[in-house]
Amino acid sequence: RLEEEAILVKEYGTLNKREIYKMRSLLKKFMLQAKQLLSSSTAQAEQEKKSLLGKMHSLALIGANAQLDDVLALQLNNIMERRLQTLLLRKGLASTMKQARQFIVHQHVKVGNKSITSPSYLVSKDDEAKISFVEKSPFAK
């Protein structure tokens, strides 16, 4: 487990392993909710199922026609790829993970109209195209 976490820290540029633990906890929460919804067949469960699948689709973690089994198949890498820090690097706005983190923490990055200062912010599929530099930033040019 320690070797696996060290690889994740290096690959995704997290400050410490606590960020990995938080993302793992979020993934477990999604999976636990999916397991509970699979075993339930009430009307309330159907509404919660639609809500969970909608949320997971808006975060681009699953496809449009996905089922609860797809939520159970998610890996930690899927969640880590949706972080603002990772997307900033993937879009080419930063050359390294460390630089992407620094841009975010120093308030050079915005998503839509909001300036985001948390590298672990999960970006929705709709907001992914709206990632840019703040106008006042010297990197906006």
Protein backbone atom coordinates (compact mmCIF):
# COMPACT_ATOMS: atom_id res chain seq x y z
CA ARG A 1 0.00 0.00 0.00
CA LEU A 2 2.82 2.40 0.84
CA GLU A 3 4.50 1.83 -2.51
CA GLU A 4 1.17 2.35 -4.28
CA GLU A 5 0.60 5.64 -2.43
CA ALA A 6 4.13 6.82 -3.19
CA ILE A 7 3.48 6.26 -6.88
CA LEU A 8 0.20 8.21 -6.66
CA VAL A 9 1.90 11.11 -4.84
CA LYS A 10 4.51 11.28 -7.56
CA GLU A 11 2.10 10.84 -10.47
CA TYR A 12 -0.56 13.29 -9.30
CA GLY A 13 1.64 15.78 -7.46
CA THR A 14 -0.21 15.71 -4.16
CA LEU A 15 1.28 17.62 -1.27
CA ASN A 16 0.96 14.64 1.06
CA LYS A 17 -0.84 11.33 1.35
CA ARG A 18 -3.74 12.95 3.19
CA GLU A 19 -5.06 14.18 -0.17
CA ILE A 20 -4.99 10.63 -1.48
CA TYR A 21 -6.84 9.44 1.62
CA LYS A 22 -9.54 12.07 1.08
CA MET A 23 -10.04 11.02 -2.55
CA ARG A 24 -10.09 7.34 -1.51
CA SER A 25 -12.70 8.19 1.14
CA LEU A 26 -14.84 9.96 -1.45
CA LEU A 27 -14.60 6.94 -3.75
CA LYS A 28 -15.60 4.61 -0.90
CA LYS A 29 -18.58 6.83 -0.13
CA PHE A 30 -19.76 6.60 -3.75
CA MET A 31 -19.26 2.83 -3.78
CA LEU A 32 -21.06 2.30 -0.47
CA GLN A 33 -24.02 4.33 -1.67
CA ALA A 34 -24.11 2.32 -4.92
CA LYS A 35 -24.05 -0.98 -2.98
CA GLN A 36 -26.92 0.14 -0.77
CA LEU A 37 -28.94 1.26 -3.77
CA LEU A 38 -28.36 -2.04 -5.58
CA SER A 39 -29.94 -3.96 -2.71
CA SER A 40 -32.92 -1.62 -2.34
CA SER A 41 -35.90 -1.42 -4.68
CA THR A 42 -38.10 1.33 -3.22
CA ALA A 43 -39.22 4.47 -5.02
CA GLN A 44 -36.87 6.53 -2.87
CA ALA A 45 -33.99 4.25 -3.88
CA GLU A 46 -34.79 4.81 -7.55
CA GLN A 47 -34.64 8.58 -7.08
CA GLU A 48 -31.34 8.30 -5.20
CA LYS A 49 -30.00 6.00 -7.91
CA LYS A 50 -30.81 8.57 -10.60
CA SER A 51 -29.25 11.29 -8.46
CA LEU A 52 -26.04 9.34 -7.88
CA LEU A 53 -25.69 8.38 -11.54
CA GLY A 54 -26.36 11.98 -12.56
CA LYS A 55 -23.70 13.27 -10.20
CA MET A 56 -21.16 10.70 -11.38
CA HIS A 57 -21.96 11.52 -15.03
CA SER A 58 -21.60 15.27 -14.41
CA LEU A 59 -18.15 14.60 -12.93
CA ALA A 60 -17.34 12.54 -16.07
CA LEU A 61 -16.57 9.48 -13.97
CA ILE A 62 -19.10 7.30 -15.82
CA GLY A 63 -20.84 7.41 -19.18
CA ALA A 64 -24.37 8.60 -19.91
CA ASN A 65 -25.94 5.12 -20.04
CA ALA A 66 -23.99 3.70 -17.09
CA GLN A 67 -25.42 1.53 -14.34
CA LEU A 68 -24.57 1.21 -10.65
CA ASP A 69 -22.12 -1.58 -11.52
CA ASP A 70 -20.01 1.02 -13.33
CA VAL A 71 -19.84 3.08 -10.14
CA LEU A 72 -18.56 0.00 -8.30
CA ALA A 73 -15.89 -0.48 -10.99
CA LEU A 74 -14.35 2.97 -10.43
CA GLN A 75 -10.72 3.16 -9.35
CA LEU A 76 -8.85 5.83 -7.38
CA ASN A 77 -7.13 6.94 -10.61
CA ASN A 78 -10.52 7.90 -12.08
CA ILE A 79 -11.14 10.33 -9.21
CA MET A 80 -7.58 11.68 -9.27
CA GLU A 81 -7.90 12.47 -12.99
CA ARG A 82 -10.85 14.79 -12.29
CA ARG A 83 -8.90 17.03 -9.90
CA LEU A 84 -8.23 20.60 -11.02
CA GLN A 85 -4.49 20.14 -10.63
CA THR A 86 -4.45 17.16 -12.99
CA LEU A 87 -6.75 18.78 -15.55
CA LEU A 88 -4.61 21.92 -15.60
CA LEU A 89 -1.62 19.81 -16.61
CA ARG A 90 -3.61 17.69 -19.11
CA LYS A 91 -4.90 20.87 -20.83
CA GLY A 92 -1.33 22.14 -21.22
CA LEU A 93 -1.76 25.21 -19.01
CA ALA A 94 1.07 23.98 -16.76
CA SER A 95 4.20 22.05 -17.63
CA THR A 96 4.45 19.99 -14.42
CA MET A 97 2.14 18.85 -11.64
CA LYS A 98 4.06 20.97 -9.18
CA GLN A 99 3.63 24.05 -11.36
CA ALA A 100 -0.09 23.34 -11.77
CA ARG A 101 -0.45 23.16 -8.00
CA GLN A 102 1.44 26.42 -7.56
CA PHE A 103 -0.74 28.20 -10.14
CA ILE A 104 -3.87 27.09 -8.29
CA VAL A 105 -2.66 27.92 -4.79
CA HIS A 106 -1.39 31.35 -5.89
CA GLN A 107 -4.83 32.17 -7.33
CA HIS A 108 -3.86 32.25 -11.01
CA VAL A 109 -6.57 29.78 -12.08
CA LYS A 110 -10.32 30.14 -12.39
CA VAL A 111 -13.09 27.75 -13.32
CA GLY A 112 -15.88 29.68 -14.98
CA ASN A 113 -16.10 32.91 -13.01
CA LYS A 114 -14.79 31.50 -9.72
CA SER A 115 -11.15 31.63 -8.66
CA ILE A 116 -10.33 28.23 -7.19
CA THR A 117 -7.49 27.82 -4.69
CA SER A 118 -7.88 24.11 -3.96
CA PRO A 119 -5.86 21.74 -6.18
CA SER A 120 -8.15 18.86 -5.20
CA TYR A 121 -11.29 20.60 -6.50
CA LEU A 122 -13.26 18.08 -8.57
CA VAL A 123 -14.09 19.64 -11.93
CA SER A 124 -17.37 18.73 -13.58
CA LYS A 125 -17.55 17.83 -17.26
CA ASP A 126 -19.29 21.13 -18.07
CA ASP A 127 -16.71 23.22 -16.20
CA GLU A 128 -13.73 21.45 -17.78
CA ALA A 129 -13.83 23.73 -20.83
CA LYS A 130 -14.05 26.81 -18.58
CA ILE A 131 -10.66 26.31 -16.90
CA SER A 132 -8.47 29.33 -17.57
CA PHE A 133 -6.15 31.84 -15.98
CA VAL A 134 -7.47 34.81 -14.04
CA GLU A 135 -7.37 38.03 -16.09
CA LYS A 136 -4.98 39.73 -13.64
CA SER A 137 -2.54 36.85 -13.85
CA PRO A 138 0.64 37.37 -15.88
CA PHE A 139 0.03 33.89 -17.37
CA ALA A 140 -3.29 34.95 -18.92
CA LYS A 141 -1.40 36.22 -21.97
